Amino acid sequence: MNKQDQLNLIKEDFINCQKVLLAIGDETRQSILLVLMGTDCQTGLRVGEITEQTHLSRPAVSHHLKVLRDAGVILMRKEGTKNFYYINVRTELGLLRTLMSDIDKFMQKFYRNDEI
């Protein structure tokens, strides 16, 4: 693959990652993700539990959870009238891994270590 082809691939990777990058780029959403990742609860957390740990208002947590859900980073499970939020293990975050891998391949192929 030539340099331009590889750059086009990386450009496509960036396009595929836009929703995820926007969703996880926010500091508040990062703190919510850390709470979800840090819990021992495999079934997810409710908004109130996330609110307690992040010290954010319920409406703020709900808004940020919606952004994360829309980006495919987290999922929601309903149990009666209760909603439980958890990290999507088959998430769009895998797109970030692809992006970073393609950038790494590009850098190794077209840039020598002594030139950086």
PDB file of N, CA and C in Angstrom:
ATOM      1  N   MET A   1       0.850  -1.178   0.000  1.00  0.00           N
ATOM      2  CA  MET A   1       0.000   0.000   0.000  1.00  0.00           C
ATOM      3  C   MET A   1       0.898   1.245   0.000  1.00  0.00           C
ATOM      4  N   ASN A   2       0.627   2.161  -0.919  1.00  0.00           N
ATOM      5  CA  ASN A   2       1.455   3.368  -0.967  1.00  0.00           C
ATOM      6  C   ASN A   2       0.999   4.377   0.091  1.00  0.00           C
ATOM      7  N   LYS A   3       1.769   5.452   0.208  1.00  0.00           N
ATOM      8  CA  LYS A   3       1.533   6.435   1.263  1.00  0.00           C
ATOM      9  C   LYS A   3       0.130   7.042   1.166  1.00  0.00           C
ATOM     10  N   GLN A   4      -0.298   7.412  -0.025  1.00  0.00           N
ATOM     11  CA  GLN A   4      -1.610   8.036  -0.174  1.00  0.00           C
ATOM     12  C   GLN A   4      -2.740   7.056   0.149  1.00  0.00           C
ATOM     13  N   ASP A   5      -2.577   5.814  -0.260  1.00  0.00           N
ATOM     14  CA  ASP A   5      -3.586   4.801   0.072  1.00  0.00           C
ATOM     15  C   ASP A   5      -3.703   4.621   1.581  1.00  0.00           C
ATOM     16  N   GLN A   6      -2.566   4.602   2.246  1.00  0.00           N
ATOM     17  CA  GLN A   6      -2.575   4.429   3.693  1.00  0.00           C
ATOM     18  C   GLN A   6      -3.191   5.657   4.383  1.00  0.00           C
ATOM     19  N   LEU A   7      -2.895   6.855   3.859  1.00  0.00           N
ATOM     20  CA  LEU A   7      -3.512   8.067   4.412  1.00  0.00           C
ATOM     21  C   LEU A   7      -5.029   8.052   4.211  1.00  0.00           C
ATOM     22  N   ASN A   8      -5.473   7.573   3.072  1.00  0.00           N
ATOM     23  CA  ASN A   8      -6.920   7.477   2.817  1.00  0.00           C
ATOM     24  C   ASN A   8      -7.575   6.489   3.787  1.00  0.00           C
ATOM     25  N   LEU A   9      -6.874   5.406   4.093  1.00  0.00           N
ATOM     26  CA  LEU A   9      -7.378   4.434   5.055  1.00  0.00           C
ATOM     27  C   LEU A   9      -7.514   5.080   6.435  1.00  0.00           C
ATOM     28  N   ILE A  10      -6.513   5.844   6.841  1.00  0.00           N
ATOM     29  CA  ILE A  10      -6.552   6.526   8.134  1.00  0.00           C
ATOM     30  C   ILE A  10      -7.675   7.565   8.153  1.00  0.00           C
ATOM     31  N   LYS A  11      -7.868   8.261   7.037  1.00  0.00           N
ATOM     32  CA  LYS A  11      -8.957   9.236   6.943  1.00  0.00           C
ATOM     33  C   LYS A  11     -10.303   8.537   7.145  1.00  0.00           C
ATOM     34  N   GLU A  12     -10.474   7.380   6.545  1.00  0.00           N
ATOM     35  CA  GLU A  12     -11.701   6.601   6.706  1.00  0.00           C
ATOM     36  C   GLU A  12     -11.865   6.137   8.161  1.00  0.00           C
ATOM     37  N   ASP A  13     -10.747   5.739   8.776  1.00  0.00           N
ATOM     38  CA  ASP A  13     -10.781   5.358  10.195  1.00  0.00           C
ATOM     39  C   ASP A  13     -11.270   6.524  11.054  1.00  0.00           C
ATOM     40  N   PHE A  14     -10.756   7.718  10.795  1.00  0.00           N
ATOM     41  CA  PHE A  14     -11.181   8.900  11.559  1.00  0.00           C
ATOM     42  C   PHE A  14     -12.679   9.140  11.390  1.00  0.00           C
ATOM     43  N   ILE A  15     -13.168   9.013  10.172  1.00  0.00           N
ATOM     44  CA  ILE A  15     -14.601   9.204   9.919  1.00  0.00           C
ATOM     45  C   ILE A  15     -15.413   8.182  10.710  1.00  0.00           C
ATOM     46  N   ASN A  16     -14.967   6.931  10.700  1.00  0.00           N
ATOM     47  CA  ASN A  16     -15.669   5.869  11.432  1.00  0.00           C
ATOM     48  C   ASN A  16     -15.650   6.098  12.937  1.00  0.00           C
ATOM     49  N   CYS A  17     -14.640   6.790  13.435  1.00  0.00           N
ATOM     50  CA  CYS A  17     -14.468   7.007  14.878  1.00  0.00           C
ATOM     51  C   CYS A  17     -15.079   8.300  15.389  1.00  0.00           C
ATOM     52  N   GLN A  18     -15.605   9.133  14.509  1.00  0.00           N
ATOM     53  CA  GLN A  18     -16.040  10.460  14.938  1.00  0.00           C
ATOM     54  C   GLN A  18     -17.010  10.443  16.110  1.00  0.00           C
ATOM     55  N   LYS A  19     -18.060   9.610  16.060  1.00  0.00           N
ATOM     56  CA  LYS A  19     -19.040   9.577  17.153  1.00  0.00           C
ATOM     57  C   LYS A  19     -18.393   9.161  18.471  1.00  0.00           C
ATOM     58  N   VAL A  20     -17.540   8.150  18.394  1.00  0.00           N
ATOM     59  CA  VAL A  20     -16.888   7.660  19.607  1.00  0.00           C
ATOM     60  C   VAL A  20     -15.934   8.703  20.157  1.00  0.00           C
ATOM     61  N   LEU A  21     -15.150   9.325  19.276  1.00  0.00           N
ATOM     62  CA  LEU A  21     -14.194  10.337  19.716  1.00  0.00           C
ATOM     63  C   LEU A  21     -14.912  11.510  20.386  1.00  0.00           C
ATOM     64  N   LEU A  22     -16.018  11.948  19.793  1.00  0.00           N
ATOM     65  CA  LEU A  22     -16.788  13.037  20.395  1.00  0.00           C
ATOM     66  C   LEU A  22     -17.373  12.616  21.738  1.00  0.00           C
ATOM     67  N   ALA A  23     -17.864  11.385  21.812  1.00  0.00           N
ATOM     68  CA  ALA A  23     -18.491  10.912  23.045  1.00  0.00           C
ATOM     69  C   ALA A  23     -17.481  10.779  24.179  1.00  0.00           C
ATOM     70  N   ILE A  24     -16.322  10.226  23.906  1.00  0.00           N
ATOM     71  CA  ILE A  24     -15.367  10.000  24.990  1.00  0.00           C
ATOM     72  C   ILE A  24     -14.421  11.173  25.194  1.00  0.00           C
ATOM     73  N   GLY A  25     -14.499  12.175  24.340  1.00  0.00           N
ATOM     74  CA  GLY A  25     -13.627  13.336  24.465  1.00  0.00           C
ATOM     75  C   GLY A  25     -14.027  14.287  25.577  1.00  0.00           C
ATOM     76  N   ASP A  26     -15.241  14.137  26.078  1.00  0.00           N
ATOM     77  CA  ASP A  26     -15.746  15.014  27.126  1.00  0.00           C
ATOM     78  C   ASP A  26     -15.307  14.495  28.499  1.00  0.00           C
ATOM     79  N   GLU A  27     -14.777  15.386  29.314  1.00  0.00           N
ATOM     80  CA  GLU A  27     -14.249  15.010  30.629  1.00  0.00           C
ATOM     81  C   GLU A  27     -15.327  14.405  31.544  1.00  0.00           C
ATOM     82  N   THR A  28     -16.532  14.941  31.473  1.00  0.00           N
ATOM     83  CA  THR A  28     -17.623  14.408  32.291  1.00  0.00           C
ATOM     84  C   THR A  28     -17.967  12.986  31.873  1.00  0.00           C
ATOM     85  N   ARG A  29     -18.041  12.745  30.565  1.00  0.00           N
ATOM     86  CA  ARG A  29     -18.339  11.397  30.086  1.00  0.00           C
ATOM     87  C   ARG A  29     -17.202  10.438  30.419  1.00  0.00           C
ATOM     88  N   GLN A  30     -15.977  10.943  30.436  1.00  0.00           N
ATOM     89  CA  GLN A  30     -14.848  10.106  30.842  1.00  0.00           C
ATOM     90  C   GLN A  30     -15.014   9.669  32.295  1.00  0.00           C
ATOM     91  N   SER A  31     -15.464  10.579  33.151  1.00  0.00           N
ATOM     92  CA  SER A  31     -15.646  10.214  34.564  1.00  0.00           C
ATOM     93  C   SER A  31     -16.765   9.189  34.718  1.00  0.00           C
ATOM     94  N   ILE A  32     -17.814   9.304  33.922  1.00  0.00           N
ATOM     95  CA  ILE A  32     -18.899   8.317  33.956  1.00  0.00           C
ATOM     96  C   ILE A  32     -18.385   6.959  33.488  1.00  0.00           C
ATOM     97  N   LEU A  33     -17.585   6.948  32.430  1.00  0.00           N
ATOM     98  CA  LEU A  33     -17.008   5.686  31.946  1.00  0.00           C
ATOM     99  C   LEU A  33     -16.109   5.051  32.999  1.00  0.00           C
ATOM    100  N   LEU A  34     -15.338   5.867  33.688  1.00  0.00           N
ATOM    101  CA  LEU A  34     -14.469   5.338  34.740  1.00  0.00           C
ATOM    102  C   LEU A  34     -15.286   4.724  35.877  1.00  0.00           C
ATOM    103  N   VAL A  35     -16.406   5.351  36.210  1.00  0.00           N
ATOM    104  CA  VAL A  35     -17.287   4.785  37.237  1.00  0.00           C
ATOM    105  C   VAL A  35     -17.832   3.440  36.767  1.00  0.00           C
ATOM    106  N   LEU A  36     -18.297   3.392  35.524  1.00  0.00           N
ATOM    107  CA  LEU A  36     -18.843   2.133  34.995  1.00  0.00           C
ATOM    108  C   LEU A  36     -17.772   1.049  34.915  1.00  0.00           C
ATOM    109  N   MET A  37     -16.562   1.422  34.550  1.00  0.00           N
ATOM    110  CA  MET A  37     -15.472   0.446  34.464  1.00  0.00           C
ATOM    111  C   MET A  37     -14.998   0.011  35.845  1.00  0.00           C
ATOM    112  N   GLY A  38     -15.114   0.888  36.821  1.00  0.00           N
ATOM    113  CA  GLY A  38     -14.584   0.612  38.149  1.00  0.00           C
ATOM    114  C   GLY A  38     -15.511  -0.178  39.046  1.00  0.00           C
ATOM    115  N   THR A  39     -16.724  -0.395  38.604  1.00  0.00           N
ATOM    116  CA  THR A  39     -17.678  -1.107  39.445  1.00  0.00           C
ATOM    117  C   THR A  39     -17.470  -2.616  39.364  1.00  0.00           C
ATOM    118  N   ASP A  40     -17.779  -3.293  40.460  1.00  0.00           N
ATOM    119  CA  ASP A  40     -17.745  -4.753  40.479  1.00  0.00           C
ATOM    120  C   ASP A  40     -19.042  -5.332  39.934  1.00  0.00           C
ATOM    121  N   CYS A  41     -20.022  -4.471  39.752  1.00  0.00           N
ATOM    122  CA  CYS A  41     -21.351  -4.897  39.323  1.00  0.00           C
ATOM    123  C   CYS A  41     -21.332  -5.216  37.825  1.00  0.00           C
ATOM    124  N   GLN A  42     -21.559  -6.464  37.488  1.00  0.00           N
ATOM    125  CA  GLN A  42     -21.550  -6.882  36.087  1.00  0.00           C
ATOM    126  C   GLN A  42     -22.871  -6.598  35.382  1.00  0.00           C
ATOM    127  N   THR A  43     -23.895  -6.256  36.167  1.00  0.00           N
ATOM    128  CA  THR A  43     -25.218  -6.046  35.581  1.00  0.00           C
ATOM    129  C   THR A  43     -25.499  -4.589  35.250  1.00  0.00           C
ATOM    130  N   GLY A  44     -24.596  -3.697  35.592  1.00  0.00           N
ATOM    131  CA  GLY A  44     -24.768  -2.291  35.279  1.00  0.00           C
ATOM    132  C   GLY A  44     -25.148  -1.461  36.486  1.00  0.00           C
ATOM    133  N   LEU A  45     -25.133  -0.167  36.293  1.00  0.00           N
ATOM    134  CA  LEU A  45     -25.469   0.782  37.359  1.00  0.00           C
ATOM    135  C   LEU A  45     -26.665   1.613  36.937  1.00  0.00           C
ATOM    136  N   ARG A  46     -27.427   2.060  37.921  1.00  0.00           N
ATOM    137  CA  ARG A  46     -28.552   2.952  37.667  1.00  0.00           C
ATOM    138  C   ARG A  46     -28.054   4.388  37.708  1.00  0.00           C
ATOM    139  N   VAL A  47     -28.852   5.297  37.171  1.00  0.00           N
ATOM    140  CA  VAL A  47     -28.476   6.714  37.117  1.00  0.00           C
ATOM    141  C   VAL A  47     -28.147   7.239  38.508  1.00  0.00           C
ATOM    142  N   GLY A  48     -28.952   6.880  39.498  1.00  0.00           N
ATOM    143  CA  GLY A  48     -28.713   7.354  40.870  1.00  0.00           C
ATOM    144  C   GLY A  48     -27.363   6.928  41.415  1.00  0.00           C
ATOM    145  N   GLU A  49     -26.964   5.695  41.091  1.00  0.00           N
ATOM    146  CA  GLU A  49     -25.665   5.193  41.550  1.00  0.00           C
ATOM    147  C   GLU A  49     -24.517   5.942  40.872  1.00  0.00           C
ATOM    148  N   ILE A  50     -24.694   6.239  39.596  1.00  0.00           N
ATOM    149  CA  ILE A  50     -23.670   6.992  38.858  1.00  0.00           C
ATOM    150  C   ILE A  50     -23.617   8.423  39.384  1.00  0.00           C
ATOM    151  N   THR A  51     -24.792   9.000  39.662  1.00  0.00           N
ATOM    152  CA  THR A  51     -24.880  10.357  40.211  1.00  0.00           C
ATOM    153  C   THR A  51     -24.112  10.464  41.524  1.00  0.00           C
ATOM    154  N   GLU A  52     -24.298   9.477  42.402  1.00  0.00           N
ATOM    155  CA  GLU A  52     -23.604   9.487  43.699  1.00  0.00           C
ATOM    156  C   GLU A  52     -22.089   9.482  43.534  1.00  0.00           C
ATOM    157  N   GLN A  53     -21.603   8.705  42.582  1.00  0.00           N
ATOM    158  CA  GLN A  53     -20.161   8.553  42.428  1.00  0.00           C
ATOM    159  C   GLN A  53     -19.504   9.681  41.642  1.00  0.00           C
ATOM    160  N   THR A  54     -20.285  10.365  40.803  1.00  0.00           N
ATOM    161  CA  THR A  54     -19.703  11.444  39.990  1.00  0.00           C
ATOM    162  C   THR A  54     -20.016  12.822  40.551  1.00  0.00           C
ATOM    163  N   HIS A  55     -20.973  12.898  41.483  1.00  0.00           N
ATOM    164  CA  HIS A  55     -21.407  14.176  42.066  1.00  0.00           C
ATOM    165  C   HIS A  55     -21.985  15.117  41.010  1.00  0.00           C
ATOM    166  N   LEU A  56     -22.596  14.535  40.001  1.00  0.00           N
ATOM    167  CA  LEU A  56     -23.300  15.298  38.973  1.00  0.00           C
ATOM    168  C   LEU A  56     -24.796  15.218  39.245  1.00  0.00           C
ATOM    169  N   SER A  57     -25.548  16.108  38.634  1.00  0.00           N
ATOM    170  CA  SER A  57     -27.002  16.039  38.783  1.00  0.00           C
ATOM    171  C   SER A  57     -27.546  14.873  37.953  1.00  0.00           C
ATOM    172  N   ARG A  58     -28.737  14.400  38.339  1.00  0.00           N
ATOM    173  CA  ARG A  58     -29.370  13.304  37.585  1.00  0.00           C
ATOM    174  C   ARG A  58     -29.584  13.683  36.122  1.00  0.00           C
ATOM    175  N   PRO A  59     -30.102  14.905  35.840  1.00  0.00           N
ATOM    176  CA  PRO A  59     -30.290  15.267  34.430  1.00  0.00           C
ATOM    177  C   PRO A  59     -28.973  15.283  33.650  1.00  0.00           C
ATOM    178  N   ALA A  60     -27.902  15.740  34.295  1.00  0.00           N
ATOM    179  CA  ALA A  60     -26.596  15.771  33.617  1.00  0.00           C
ATOM    180  C   ALA A  60     -26.123  14.359  33.318  1.00  0.00           C
ATOM    181  N   VAL A  61     -26.240  13.460  34.293  1.00  0.00           N
ATOM    182  CA  VAL A  61     -25.830  12.069  34.083  1.00  0.00           C
ATOM    183  C   VAL A  61     -26.662  11.450  32.965  1.00  0.00           C
ATOM    184  N   SER A  62     -27.967  11.661  33.007  1.00  0.00           N
ATOM    185  CA  SER A  62     -28.846  11.105  31.972  1.00  0.00           C
ATOM    186  C   SER A  62     -28.459  11.602  30.586  1.00  0.00           C
ATOM    187  N   HIS A  63     -28.172  12.888  30.483  1.00  0.00           N
ATOM    188  CA  HIS A  63     -27.767  13.456  29.191  1.00  0.00           C
ATOM    189  C   HIS A  63     -26.487  12.798  28.682  1.00  0.00           C
ATOM    190  N   HIS A  64     -25.494  12.695  29.535  1.00  0.00           N
ATOM    191  CA  HIS A  64     -24.211  12.129  29.119  1.00  0.00           C
ATOM    192  C   HIS A  64     -24.333  10.632  28.819  1.00  0.00           C
ATOM    193  N   LEU A  65     -25.180   9.933  29.544  1.00  0.00           N
ATOM    194  CA  LEU A  65     -25.417   8.519  29.247  1.00  0.00           C
ATOM    195  C   LEU A  65     -26.043   8.357  27.871  1.00  0.00           C
ATOM    196  N   LYS A  66     -26.932   9.269  27.513  1.00  0.00           N
ATOM    197  CA  LYS A  66     -27.560   9.214  26.181  1.00  0.00           C
ATOM    198  C   LYS A  66     -26.517   9.399  25.087  1.00  0.00           C
ATOM    199  N   VAL A  67     -25.616  10.342  25.272  1.00  0.00           N
ATOM    200  CA  VAL A  67     -24.561  10.576  24.278  1.00  0.00           C
ATOM    201  C   VAL A  67     -23.695   9.321  24.142  1.00  0.00           C
ATOM    202  N   LEU A  68     -23.328   8.728  25.259  1.00  0.00           N
ATOM    203  CA  LEU A  68     -22.504   7.519  25.236  1.00  0.00           C
ATOM    204  C   LEU A  68     -23.251   6.350  24.597  1.00  0.00           C
ATOM    205  N   ARG A  69     -24.547   6.233  24.878  1.00  0.00           N
ATOM    206  CA  ARG A  69     -25.357   5.171  24.251  1.00  0.00           C
ATOM    207  C   ARG A  69     -25.470   5.388  22.754  1.00  0.00           C
ATOM    208  N   ASP A  70     -25.735   6.624  22.338  1.00  0.00           N
ATOM    209  CA  ASP A  70     -25.874   6.918  20.909  1.00  0.00           C
ATOM    210  C   ASP A  70     -24.594   6.608  20.142  1.00  0.00           C
ATOM    211  N   ALA A  71     -23.457   6.730  20.814  1.00  0.00           N
ATOM    212  CA  ALA A  71     -22.170   6.447  20.177  1.00  0.00           C
ATOM    213  C   ALA A  71     -21.820   4.960  20.234  1.00  0.00           C
ATOM    214  N   GLY A  72     -22.621   4.174  20.953  1.00  0.00           N
ATOM    215  CA  GLY A  72     -22.376   2.744  21.051  1.00  0.00           C
ATOM    216  C   GLY A  72     -21.330   2.347  22.079  1.00  0.00           C
ATOM    217  N   VAL A  73     -20.973   3.273  22.956  1.00  0.00           N
ATOM    218  CA  VAL A  73     -19.936   3.006  23.954  1.00  0.00           C
ATOM    219  C   VAL A  73     -20.510   2.251  25.147  1.00  0.00           C
ATOM    220  N   ILE A  74     -21.756   2.561  25.508  1.00  0.00           N
ATOM    221  CA  ILE A  74     -22.411   1.852  26.611  1.00  0.00           C
ATOM    222  C   ILE A  74     -23.748   1.308  26.122  1.00  0.00           C
ATOM    223  N   LEU A  75     -24.291   0.382  26.905  1.00  0.00           N
ATOM    224  CA  LEU A  75     -25.601  -0.193  26.629  1.00  0.00           C
ATOM    225  C   LEU A  75     -26.482  -0.013  27.856  1.00  0.00           C
ATOM    226  N   MET A  76     -27.784  -0.179  27.646  1.00  0.00           N
ATOM    227  CA  MET A  76     -28.735  -0.074  28.742  1.00  0.00           C
ATOM    228  C   MET A  76     -29.562  -1.352  28.790  1.00  0.00           C
ATOM    229  N   ARG A  77     -29.777  -1.828  30.006  1.00  0.00           N
ATOM    230  CA  ARG A  77     -30.611  -3.009  30.229  1.00  0.00           C
ATOM    231  C   ARG A  77     -31.792  -2.581  31.084  1.00  0.00           C
ATOM    232  N   LYS A  78     -32.995  -2.941  30.635  1.00  0.00           N
ATOM    233  CA  LYS A  78     -34.208  -2.614  31.401  1.00  0.00           C
ATOM    234  C   LYS A  78     -34.583  -3.796  32.285  1.00  0.00           C
ATOM    235  N   GLU A  79     -34.968  -3.455  33.501  1.00  0.00           N
ATOM    236  CA  GLU A  79     -35.479  -4.452  34.429  1.00  0.00           C
ATOM    237  C   GLU A  79     -36.712  -3.834  35.072  1.00  0.00           C
ATOM    238  N   GLY A  80     -37.874  -4.148  34.524  1.00  0.00           N
ATOM    239  CA  GLY A  80     -39.105  -3.480  34.958  1.00  0.00           C
ATOM    240  C   GLY A  80     -39.041  -2.018  34.572  1.00  0.00           C
ATOM    241  N   THR A  81     -39.114  -1.151  35.573  1.00  0.00           N
ATOM    242  CA  THR A  81     -39.041   0.291  35.311  1.00  0.00           C
ATOM    243  C   THR A  81     -37.632   0.842  35.531  1.00  0.00           C
ATOM    244  N   LYS A  82     -36.699  -0.043  35.879  1.00  0.00           N
ATOM    245  CA  LYS A  82     -35.331   0.385  36.171  1.00  0.00           C
ATOM    246  C   LYS A  82     -34.439   0.194  34.949  1.00  0.00           C
ATOM    247  N   ASN A  83     -33.553   1.165  34.742  1.00  0.00           N
ATOM    248  CA  ASN A  83     -32.566   1.089  33.661  1.00  0.00           C
ATOM    249  C   ASN A  83     -31.173   0.934  34.257  1.00  0.00           C
ATOM    250  N   PHE A  84     -30.422  -0.020  33.718  1.00  0.00           N
ATOM    251  CA  PHE A  84     -29.060  -0.270  34.170  1.00  0.00           C
ATOM    252  C   PHE A  84     -28.112  -0.018  33.006  1.00  0.00           C
ATOM    253  N   TYR A  85     -27.056   0.743  33.253  1.00  0.00           N
ATOM    254  CA  TYR A  85     -26.095   1.115  32.220  1.00  0.00           C
ATOM    255  C   TYR A  85     -24.783   0.388  32.449  1.00  0.00           C
ATOM    256  N   TYR A  86     -24.182  -0.071  31.351  1.00  0.00           N
ATOM    257  CA  TYR A  86     -22.924  -0.807  31.441  1.00  0.00           C
ATOM    258  C   TYR A  86     -22.108  -0.604  30.165  1.00  0.00           C
ATOM    259  N   ILE A  87     -20.814  -0.865  30.276  1.00  0.00           N
ATOM    260  CA  ILE A  87     -19.904  -0.725  29.132  1.00  0.00           C
ATOM    261  C   ILE A  87     -20.252  -1.766  28.087  1.00  0.00           C
ATOM    262  N   ASN A  88     -20.277  -1.362  26.844  1.00  0.00           N
ATOM    263  CA  ASN A  88     -20.514  -2.274  25.728  1.00  0.00           C
ATOM    264  C   ASN A  88     -19.187  -2.947  25.382  1.00  0.00           C
ATOM    265  N   VAL A  89     -19.051  -4.221  25.732  1.00  0.00           N
ATOM    266  CA  VAL A  89     -17.769  -4.898  25.501  1.00  0.00           C
ATOM    267  C   VAL A  89     -17.493  -5.136  24.018  1.00  0.00           C
ATOM    268  N   ARG A  90     -18.519  -5.123  23.212  1.00  0.00           N
ATOM    269  CA  ARG A  90     -18.334  -5.234  21.753  1.00  0.00           C
ATOM    270  C   ARG A  90     -18.530  -3.853  21.138  1.00  0.00           C
ATOM    271  N   THR A  91     -17.934  -2.897  21.749  1.00  0.00           N
ATOM    272  CA  THR A  91     -18.204  -1.492  21.497  1.00  0.00           C
ATOM    273  C   THR A  91     -17.543  -0.938  20.244  1.00  0.00           C
ATOM    274  N   GLU A  92     -17.988   0.216  19.916  1.00  0.00           N
ATOM    275  CA  GLU A  92     -17.376   0.978  18.838  1.00  0.00           C
ATOM    276  C   GLU A  92     -15.965   1.416  19.216  1.00  0.00           C
ATOM    277  N   LEU A  93     -15.603   1.240  20.467  1.00  0.00           N
ATOM    278  CA  LEU A  93     -14.247   1.579  20.893  1.00  0.00           C
ATOM    279  C   LEU A  93     -13.214   0.760  20.115  1.00  0.00           C
ATOM    280  N   GLY A  94     -13.616  -0.398  19.599  1.00  0.00           N
ATOM    281  CA  GLY A  94     -12.729  -1.196  18.759  1.00  0.00           C
ATOM    282  C   GLY A  94     -12.282  -0.430  17.520  1.00  0.00           C
ATOM    283  N   LEU A  95     -13.104   0.510  17.074  1.00  0.00           N
ATOM    284  CA  LEU A  95     -12.728   1.348  15.934  1.00  0.00           C
ATOM    285  C   LEU A  95     -11.497   2.187  16.263  1.00  0.00           C
ATOM    286  N   LEU A  96     -11.390   2.593  17.526  1.00  0.00           N
ATOM    287  CA  LEU A  96     -10.217   3.364  17.950  1.00  0.00           C
ATOM    288  C   LEU A  96      -8.952   2.518  17.864  1.00  0.00           C
ATOM    289  N   ARG A  97      -9.089   1.254  18.203  1.00  0.00           N
ATOM    290  CA  ARG A  97      -7.945   0.336  18.121  1.00  0.00           C
ATOM    291  C   ARG A  97      -7.477   0.235  16.667  1.00  0.00           C
ATOM    292  N   THR A  98      -8.423   0.134  15.746  1.00  0.00           N
ATOM    293  CA  THR A  98      -8.095   0.069  14.319  1.00  0.00           C
ATOM    294  C   THR A  98      -7.407   1.353  13.867  1.00  0.00           C
ATOM    295  N   LEU A  99      -7.943   2.491  14.275  1.00  0.00           N
ATOM    296  CA  LEU A  99      -7.349   3.778  13.924  1.00  0.00           C
ATOM    297  C   LEU A  99      -5.910   3.852  14.408  1.00  0.00           C
ATOM    298  N   MET A 100      -5.695   3.523  15.673  1.00  0.00           N
ATOM    299  CA  MET A 100      -4.344   3.604  16.235  1.00  0.00           C
ATOM    300  C   MET A 100      -3.395   2.620  15.552  1.00  0.00           C
ATOM    301  N   SER A 101      -3.878   1.450  15.235  1.00  0.00           N
ATOM    302  CA  SER A 101      -3.062   0.449  14.551  1.00  0.00           C
ATOM    303  C   SER A 101      -2.654   0.939  13.164  1.00  0.00           C
ATOM    304  N   ASP A 102      -3.597   1.523  12.436  1.00  0.00           N
ATOM    305  CA  ASP A 102      -3.290   2.031  11.094  1.00  0.00           C
ATOM    306  C   ASP A 102      -2.321   3.210  11.149  1.00  0.00           C
ATOM    307  N   ILE A 103      -2.474   4.070  12.144  1.00  0.00           N
ATOM    308  CA  ILE A 103      -1.535   5.189  12.309  1.00  0.00           C
ATOM    309  C   ILE A 103      -0.145   4.654  12.640  1.00  0.00           C
ATOM    310  N   ASP A 104      -0.091   3.668  13.529  1.00  0.00           N
ATOM    311  CA  ASP A 104       1.186   3.077  13.910  1.00  0.00           C
ATOM    312  C   ASP A 104       1.884   2.443  12.697  1.00  0.00           C
ATOM    313  N   LYS A 105       1.131   1.700  11.902  1.00  0.00           N
ATOM    314  CA  LYS A 105       1.704   1.080  10.690  1.00  0.00           C
ATOM    315  C   LYS A 105       2.232   2.156   9.749  1.00  0.00           C
ATOM    316  N   PHE A 106       1.475   3.231   9.601  1.00  0.00           N
ATOM    317  CA  PHE A 106       1.884   4.332   8.727  1.00  0.00           C
ATOM    318  C   PHE A 106       3.196   4.944   9.208  1.00  0.00           C
ATOM    319  N   MET A 107       3.251   5.219  10.516  1.00  0.00           N
ATOM    320  CA  MET A 107       4.450   5.842  11.073  1.00  0.00           C
ATOM    321  C   MET A 107       5.668   4.929  10.925  1.00  0.00           C
ATOM    322  N   GLN A 108       5.493   3.653  11.147  1.00  0.00           N
ATOM    323  CA  GLN A 108       6.614   2.722  11.013  1.00  0.00           C
ATOM    324  C   GLN A 108       7.082   2.585   9.570  1.00  0.00           C
ATOM    325  N   LYS A 109       6.151   2.654   8.649  1.00  0.00           N
ATOM    326  CA  LYS A 109       6.502   2.460   7.246  1.00  0.00           C
ATOM    327  C   LYS A 109       7.110   3.706   6.605  1.00  0.00           C
ATOM    328  N   PHE A 110       6.595   4.875   6.962  1.00  0.00           N
ATOM    329  CA  PHE A 110       6.999   6.089   6.247  1.00  0.00           C
ATOM    330  C   PHE A 110       7.867   7.044   7.059  1.00  0.00           C
ATOM    331  N   TYR A 111       8.094   6.740   8.315  1.00  0.00           N
ATOM    332  CA  TYR A 111       8.955   7.591   9.132  1.00  0.00           C
ATOM    333  C   TYR A 111       9.950   6.721   9.865  1.00  0.00           C
ATOM    334  N   ARG A 112      11.179   7.091   9.777  1.00  0.00           N
ATOM    335  CA  ARG A 112      12.227   6.366  10.521  1.00  0.00           C
ATOM    336  C   ARG A 112      12.340   6.992  11.896  1.00  0.00           C
ATOM    337  N   ASN A 113      12.703   6.194  12.898  1.00  0.00           N
ATOM    338  CA  ASN A 113      12.785   6.680  14.276  1.00  0.00           C
ATOM    339  C   ASN A 113      13.750   7.848  14.432  1.00  0.00           C
ATOM    340  N   ASP A 114      14.852   7.834  13.685  1.00  0.00           N
ATOM    341  CA  ASP A 114      15.822   8.908  13.837  1.00  0.00           C
ATOM    342  C   ASP A 114      15.397  10.213  13.185  1.00  0.00           C
ATOM    343  N   GLU A 115      14.299  10.186  12.433  1.00  0.00           N
ATOM    344  CA  GLU A 115      13.815  11.412  11.790  1.00  0.00           C
ATOM    345  C   GLU A 115      12.731  12.101  12.635  1.00  0.00           C
ATOM    346  N   ILE A 116      12.275  11.453  13.678  1.00  0.00           N
ATOM    347  CA  ILE A 116      11.190  12.028  14.491  1.00  0.00           C
ATOM    348  C   ILE A 116      11.759  12.832  15.626  1.00  0.00           C
TER     349      ILE A 116
END
